[in-house]
Each structure stands twice: as C-alpha cells, then as structure tokens.
Amino acid sequence: MGDLLNRPLLNGTSIMDVLTLEFLASAIGSVLSAIVIITIGFVIGGWLAGRIQSIGGRNRHLDATLFTFLGNIVRYVVIGFAFLFVLNTFGVQTTSVVAVIGAAGLAIGLALQGTLSNVAAGVMIIFFRPIKLGDFVTINGQSGTVKAINLNFIEMASVGNYQIIIPNSEVWGNTIVNFSVYPQRRAEWTFGVAYGADLDVAHRAIIDTIMADPRSLTEPEPFIQVNGLNASSVDFLVRVWVNRVDFFQYQADMKRRVKDALDAAGVEIPFPTQTMIVTDPD
C-alpha cells in the first residue's frame, strides 16, 4: 500500500504528495474561512451594538444605560454564532459543544451564586429603571448621585463627593428613595416662638418672609399651622413647595431669613434654660 502511494505519477509527483497538498490546501482554506467568519462576526456585532447604543444617545428621553446593555447582548450573540460557524467549518459537532457549554455554565453558576444574583438584579434595574444616571437617591441608608449602573453594582457619589459602591442585589432588594423623579419637592420647617409671643405676628412674619422668595411656589398652596406646644416653645409647622433643583439651598436660606424676620418683628425665639436655686443652710 505504501509503494502504491509513493508510486510516481506522469509528472513525477506521487499520490502521497497530492494528498498532502490537498490536505494543506483544505486546512489553509478552513483557517482562512475561520478568520474571515470571526472578523465578520466582530464587525457586524460591533456595528449592530453601535447602532443600538446610538438610539439611546440621540434621544434624551431614553435611558442610554439600557441601550448600552442591549447593544452588548447583541454583540456577544453575533460573536457566539460566528464561533459556532467556525466550529462547523472544522467539522466539529456544535450540538455536543453547546451541551458541554451548558453543563459548564451550570457548574459555574452554582459556584458564583452571589455574583450571578447581582447580575440578575442588574438586569432588572436596567430594564425597569427605578434609578437613572444623575438621580439623587438613598439606597440601603446611603445617599448620593448615581454615577454608573453596571451589571454587578451601582456607583454613587456622596454629597461629600466620595465614592459609594452598592451591589445590585442590595439595590433591588431594598427600598429606594429617589429624590430626582418629580420636578417639585415640599420643603418643611418647624419654627418655635415663646409662649408670650403674639402668634398672629409670628405667623405673618414667617409666611410673608418665605413667600417673598421667588423660588416659593404658590401651587400647591403653602401650609402653616401651630403644630406643637413644647416645654418652652409654641411650634409652627411650615410646608412650602419648591422646584427640585432649588430645594437644598432654598431650605437652608429660609431658616436664616425667618430667624431675622422674627427678630425684626420682636418675636422671641426661646431656647432651653435652667434655673438654679441656691439655699443657705444657715
């Protein structure tokens, strides 16, 4: 049999040489086809991902994070199909490969339950969007501005501008207080005056001072009522609506202005005092 394969043909080339050349040509062709298929997969996947992500970037009413996530999914799906085509090119049975990948995925999933719970929670956050980039929120006792929403964690910047990282499972499984959803917020203060003060004068000084500020909204109607009779003060509860972007500075400004107004109106603002009685035993 070996002599037959090595027997020279008409041009002096043996059958073994022909088979070797054919094998090399087939192998090179398969490798080149694989490179072309993978390259096309990456190009198409990247193009589709870019197109999907651009949809969120063009419209400010859409959440760019969601479209970035969808774009990445499409990219990896296209690349995955490209690798399956490559395996077919080399004659590999893809059904067995998929079964092996599934079994390996199950084993990895059991080993990484905590991480995968964060990923699952991240998918829920991205799709249902209880928070968005730029929102000021309180999550699990931590307050800050949302800077990044990833599949594993949420990144926030605190009021003091330090980084806060919260795993997605703790975000999705806890109460989220979002201060950035509604365009208006209600500011609230408690101002105490002395029992001997004229309550009508105090009432007018407080409400006139606050409503004179252009940031104060007349709708919904402001609220001011005596709300408490404490040991040394009569307390006014005041609630006024303001645009969300003005809330923090507005609430701080009104405390100072109301204090000045009460002083100007001659309304005493009480503070805790102690009376000490000293007796002479003699």
Protein backbone atom coordinates (compact mmCIF):
# COMPACT_ATOMS: atom_id res chain seq x y z
CA MET A 1 0.00 0.00 0.00
CA GLY A 2 2.91 2.33 0.86
CA ASP A 3 4.52 1.57 -2.50
CA LEU A 4 1.27 2.45 -4.24
CA LEU A 5 1.02 5.83 -2.51
CA ASN A 6 4.64 6.61 -3.27
CA ARG A 7 4.44 5.47 -6.90
CA PRO A 8 5.23 8.45 -9.14
CA LEU A 9 2.55 9.76 -11.48
CA LEU A 10 3.08 11.04 -15.00
CA ASN A 11 4.62 14.30 -13.84
CA GLY A 12 6.79 12.65 -11.22
CA THR A 13 4.54 13.58 -8.28
CA SER A 14 3.41 10.75 -6.02
CA ILE A 15 -0.11 10.18 -4.73
CA MET A 16 1.14 10.96 -1.19
CA ASP A 17 2.35 14.34 -2.37
CA VAL A 18 -1.03 15.08 -3.95
CA LEU A 19 -2.90 14.08 -0.80
CA THR A 20 -0.56 16.19 1.34
CA LEU A 21 -1.09 19.22 -0.88
CA GLU A 22 -4.83 18.70 -0.80
CA PHE A 23 -4.80 18.42 3.00
CA LEU A 24 -2.70 21.56 3.35
CA ALA A 25 -4.94 23.44 0.93
CA SER A 26 -8.03 22.28 2.82
CA ALA A 27 -6.51 23.22 6.20
CA ILE A 28 -5.37 26.63 4.99
CA GLY A 29 -8.77 27.22 3.43
CA SER A 30 -10.50 26.28 6.70
CA VAL A 31 -8.25 28.58 8.74
CA LEU A 32 -8.77 31.46 6.33
CA SER A 33 -12.52 30.85 6.37
CA ALA A 34 -12.48 30.82 10.16
CA ILE A 35 -10.57 34.12 10.29
CA VAL A 36 -12.98 35.68 7.80
CA ILE A 37 -16.05 34.44 9.70
CA ILE A 38 -14.75 35.65 13.08
CA THR A 39 -13.75 39.01 11.59
CA ILE A 40 -17.18 39.42 10.01
CA GLY A 41 -18.79 38.42 13.33
CA PHE A 42 -16.85 41.07 15.26
CA VAL A 43 -17.55 43.72 12.61
CA ILE A 44 -21.27 43.01 12.39
CA GLY A 45 -21.59 42.64 16.17
CA GLY A 46 -19.81 45.93 16.77
CA TRP A 47 -21.86 47.70 14.11
CA LEU A 48 -25.17 46.44 15.49
CA ALA A 49 -24.13 47.32 19.07
CA GLY A 50 -23.16 50.82 17.97
CA ARG A 51 -26.46 51.33 16.16
CA ILE A 52 -28.46 50.20 19.18
CA GLN A 53 -26.44 52.34 21.60
CA SER A 54 -26.83 55.39 19.36
CA ILE A 55 -30.61 55.17 19.73
CA GLY A 56 -30.32 55.95 23.45
CA GLY A 57 -27.71 58.64 22.81
CA ARG A 58 -29.80 60.51 20.25
CA ASN A 59 -32.91 60.82 22.40
CA ARG A 60 -32.54 62.39 25.84
CA HIS A 61 -35.85 60.83 26.92
CA LEU A 62 -34.39 57.32 26.56
CA ASP A 63 -32.08 55.67 29.06
CA ALA A 64 -28.64 55.25 27.45
CA THR A 65 -27.72 52.55 30.00
CA LEU A 66 -30.50 50.28 28.75
CA PHE A 67 -29.41 50.59 25.12
CA THR A 68 -25.77 50.03 26.03
CA PHE A 69 -26.78 46.79 27.76
CA LEU A 70 -28.91 45.66 24.79
CA GLY A 71 -26.12 46.54 22.36
CA ASN A 72 -23.61 44.43 24.28
CA ILE A 73 -26.01 41.48 24.32
CA VAL A 74 -26.44 41.70 20.53
CA ARG A 75 -22.66 41.94 20.03
CA TYR A 76 -21.93 38.82 22.08
CA VAL A 77 -24.76 36.85 20.44
CA VAL A 78 -23.41 37.63 16.96
CA ILE A 79 -19.85 36.72 18.01
CA GLY A 80 -21.11 33.49 19.58
CA PHE A 81 -22.82 32.47 16.32
CA ALA A 82 -19.63 33.31 14.44
CA PHE A 83 -17.64 30.90 16.61
CA LEU A 84 -20.27 28.19 16.05
CA PHE A 85 -19.88 28.64 12.28
CA VAL A 86 -16.11 28.34 12.72
CA LEU A 87 -16.51 25.06 14.57
CA ASN A 88 -18.75 23.79 11.76
CA THR A 89 -16.04 24.77 9.30
CA PHE A 90 -13.64 22.39 11.06
CA GLY A 91 -16.26 19.65 11.20
CA VAL A 92 -16.96 19.89 14.94
CA GLN A 93 -20.47 18.83 16.04
CA THR A 94 -21.83 22.02 17.60
CA THR A 95 -24.64 20.23 19.43
CA SER A 96 -22.14 18.47 21.68
CA VAL A 97 -20.25 21.73 22.19
CA VAL A 98 -23.45 23.50 23.24
CA ALA A 99 -24.19 20.68 25.69
CA VAL A 100 -20.71 20.96 27.20
CA ILE A 101 -21.05 24.74 27.48
CA GLY A 102 -24.44 24.30 29.17
CA ALA A 103 -23.04 21.86 31.73
CA ALA A 104 -20.06 24.10 32.40
CA GLY A 105 -22.36 27.10 32.74
CA LEU A 106 -24.47 25.24 35.31
CA ALA A 107 -21.38 24.36 37.37
CA ILE A 108 -20.07 27.92 37.19
CA GLY A 109 -23.50 29.28 38.11
CA LEU A 110 -23.64 27.16 41.26
CA ALA A 111 -20.16 28.33 42.24
CA LEU A 112 -20.94 32.01 41.62
CA GLN A 113 -24.43 32.31 43.06
CA GLY A 114 -23.70 35.61 44.81
CA THR A 115 -22.20 37.21 41.72
CA LEU A 116 -24.99 35.95 39.48
CA SER A 117 -27.61 37.32 41.88
CA ASN A 118 -26.00 40.73 41.41
CA VAL A 119 -26.07 40.26 37.63
CA ALA A 120 -29.75 39.21 37.70
CA ALA A 121 -30.58 42.22 39.87
CA GLY A 122 -28.58 44.43 37.48
CA VAL A 123 -30.65 43.22 34.55
CA MET A 124 -33.85 44.05 36.46
CA ILE A 125 -32.54 47.51 37.34
CA ILE A 126 -31.54 48.24 33.75
CA PHE A 127 -34.87 47.08 32.31
CA PHE A 128 -37.26 48.52 34.90
CA ARG A 129 -35.13 51.63 35.58
CA PRO A 130 -36.09 52.54 39.16
CA ILE A 131 -33.00 54.76 39.09
CA LYS A 132 -31.11 56.52 36.29
CA LEU A 133 -27.77 58.20 35.85
CA GLY A 134 -27.74 61.56 37.61
CA ASP A 135 -30.53 60.71 40.08
CA PHE A 136 -30.03 61.64 43.73
CA VAL A 137 -31.13 58.61 45.74
CA THR A 138 -30.98 56.92 49.12
CA ILE A 139 -30.36 53.16 48.98
CA ASN A 140 -29.78 50.96 52.00
CA GLY A 141 -29.06 54.03 54.15
CA GLN A 142 -26.56 55.51 51.65
CA SER A 143 -27.34 58.78 49.84
CA GLY A 144 -25.68 60.11 46.70
CA THR A 145 -25.86 60.87 42.99
CA VAL A 146 -25.90 57.86 40.66
CA LYS A 147 -22.74 57.88 38.54
CA ALA A 148 -22.76 54.38 36.98
CA ILE A 149 -25.14 51.44 36.67
CA ASN A 150 -23.30 48.18 35.93
CA LEU A 151 -24.40 44.56 35.88
CA ASN A 152 -22.70 43.94 39.24
CA PHE A 153 -23.01 47.17 41.22
CA ILE A 154 -24.24 50.75 41.43
CA GLU A 155 -21.70 53.55 41.80
CA MET A 156 -22.77 56.73 43.60
CA ALA A 157 -21.04 59.97 44.62
CA SER A 158 -21.98 61.17 48.09
CA VAL A 159 -22.73 64.79 48.98
CA GLY A 160 -19.12 64.95 50.19
CA ASN A 161 -18.00 63.57 46.79
CA TYR A 162 -16.69 60.21 47.93
CA GLN A 163 -17.43 57.01 46.05
CA ILE A 164 -20.15 54.62 47.22
CA ILE A 165 -20.39 51.11 45.70
CA ILE A 166 -23.57 49.10 46.36
CA PRO A 167 -24.03 45.54 44.98
CA ASN A 168 -27.08 45.26 42.72
CA SER A 169 -28.68 42.58 44.90
CA GLU A 170 -28.80 45.09 47.76
CA VAL A 171 -30.21 47.77 45.47
CA TRP A 172 -33.02 45.65 44.02
CA GLY A 173 -33.82 44.03 47.38
CA ASN A 174 -34.07 47.28 49.38
CA THR A 175 -36.25 50.37 49.47
CA ILE A 176 -35.07 53.02 47.00
CA VAL A 177 -35.80 56.67 47.79
CA ASN A 178 -35.39 58.66 44.57
CA PHE A 179 -35.38 62.44 45.04
CA SER A 180 -34.99 63.19 41.32
CA VAL A 181 -38.15 61.72 39.81
CA TYR A 182 -40.64 64.54 40.39
CA PRO A 183 -39.99 68.15 39.32
CA GLN A 184 -41.16 69.66 42.62
CA ARG A 185 -40.46 68.94 46.28
CA ARG A 186 -42.03 70.12 49.51
CA ALA A 187 -39.75 71.94 51.93
CA GLU A 188 -40.64 71.66 55.59
CA TRP A 189 -39.54 73.59 58.70
CA THR A 190 -40.51 73.84 62.37
CA PHE A 191 -40.11 77.30 63.94
CA GLY A 192 -40.57 77.74 67.69
CA VAL A 193 -41.64 81.01 69.37
CA ALA A 194 -42.04 81.91 73.02
CA TYR A 195 -45.35 81.39 74.80
CA GLY A 196 -45.61 85.12 75.38
CA ALA A 197 -45.21 85.95 71.67
CA ASP A 198 -48.05 87.27 69.53
CA LEU A 199 -48.86 84.22 67.37
CA ASP A 200 -50.51 86.30 64.64
CA VAL A 201 -47.43 88.48 64.29
CA ALA A 202 -45.22 85.39 64.22
CA HIS A 203 -47.49 83.74 61.64
CA ARG A 204 -47.33 86.74 59.30
CA ALA A 205 -43.57 87.18 59.72
CA ILE A 206 -42.88 83.56 58.84
CA ILE A 207 -45.19 83.15 55.85
CA ASP A 208 -44.53 86.60 54.37
CA THR A 209 -40.77 86.05 54.55
CA ILE A 210 -40.89 82.65 52.88
CA MET A 211 -43.41 83.55 50.16
CA ALA A 212 -41.46 86.70 49.28
CA ASP A 213 -38.73 84.45 47.88
CA PRO A 214 -39.23 83.93 44.10
CA ARG A 215 -38.40 80.24 44.48
CA SER A 216 -41.50 79.66 46.64
CA LEU A 217 -44.41 78.16 44.70
CA THR A 218 -47.99 79.25 45.35
CA GLU A 219 -49.39 76.00 43.95
CA PRO A 220 -49.83 73.71 45.77
CA GLU A 221 -50.88 76.13 48.48
CA PRO A 222 -48.37 76.69 51.32
CA PHE A 223 -49.19 75.35 54.77
CA ILE A 224 -48.52 76.96 58.17
CA GLN A 225 -50.13 75.93 61.44
CA VAL A 226 -49.31 75.72 65.14
CA ASN A 227 -48.27 72.12 65.42
CA GLY A 228 -46.91 71.67 68.93
CA LEU A 229 -46.85 73.07 72.45
CA ASN A 230 -43.48 72.12 73.83
CA ALA A 231 -41.94 72.76 77.22
CA SER A 232 -40.60 76.18 76.26
CA SER A 233 -41.98 76.97 72.79
CA VAL A 234 -45.03 77.13 70.56
CA ASP A 235 -44.05 75.39 67.30
CA PHE A 236 -45.19 76.40 63.81
CA LEU A 237 -45.08 73.70 61.13
CA VAL A 238 -44.45 75.25 57.70
CA ARG A 239 -44.62 73.45 54.35
CA VAL A 240 -43.95 75.16 51.02
CA TRP A 241 -43.38 73.64 47.56
CA VAL A 242 -40.29 74.45 45.52
CA ASN A 243 -38.66 73.24 42.31
CA ARG A 244 -36.45 70.22 42.90
CA VAL A 245 -33.26 71.90 41.67
CA ASP A 246 -33.64 74.70 44.27
CA PHE A 247 -34.58 72.52 47.24
CA PHE A 248 -31.43 72.25 49.35
CA GLN A 249 -30.26 75.86 49.08
CA TYR A 250 -33.82 77.14 49.44
CA GLN A 251 -34.47 75.18 52.61
CA ALA A 252 -31.24 76.45 54.20
CA ASP A 253 -31.84 80.08 53.16
CA MET A 254 -35.31 80.22 54.68
CA LYS A 255 -34.09 79.24 58.14
CA ARG A 256 -31.81 82.28 58.29
CA ARG A 257 -34.35 84.66 56.78
CA VAL A 258 -37.18 83.61 59.07
CA LYS A 259 -34.95 84.00 62.11
CA ASP A 260 -34.06 87.54 61.03
CA ALA A 261 -37.74 88.32 60.33
CA LEU A 262 -38.85 87.12 63.77
CA ASP A 263 -36.13 89.21 65.41
CA ALA A 264 -37.22 92.27 63.41
CA ALA A 265 -40.86 91.71 64.42
CA GLY A 266 -39.91 91.47 68.09
CA VAL A 267 -40.94 87.82 68.35
CA GLU A 268 -38.91 85.97 70.93
CA ILE A 269 -37.36 82.68 69.91
CA PRO A 270 -36.99 80.58 73.06
CA PHE A 271 -34.07 78.36 73.95
CA PRO A 272 -33.67 75.87 76.78
CA THR A 273 -32.80 77.46 80.13
CA GLN A 274 -32.14 76.13 83.62
CA THR A 275 -32.92 77.84 86.86
CA MET A 276 -30.61 77.09 89.78
CA ILE A 277 -31.85 77.86 93.32
CA VAL A 278 -29.14 78.07 95.94
CA THR A 279 -30.20 77.97 99.58
CA ASP A 280 -28.14 78.82 102.63
CA PRO A 281 -28.46 76.01 105.15
CA ASP A 282 -27.69 78.51 107.93
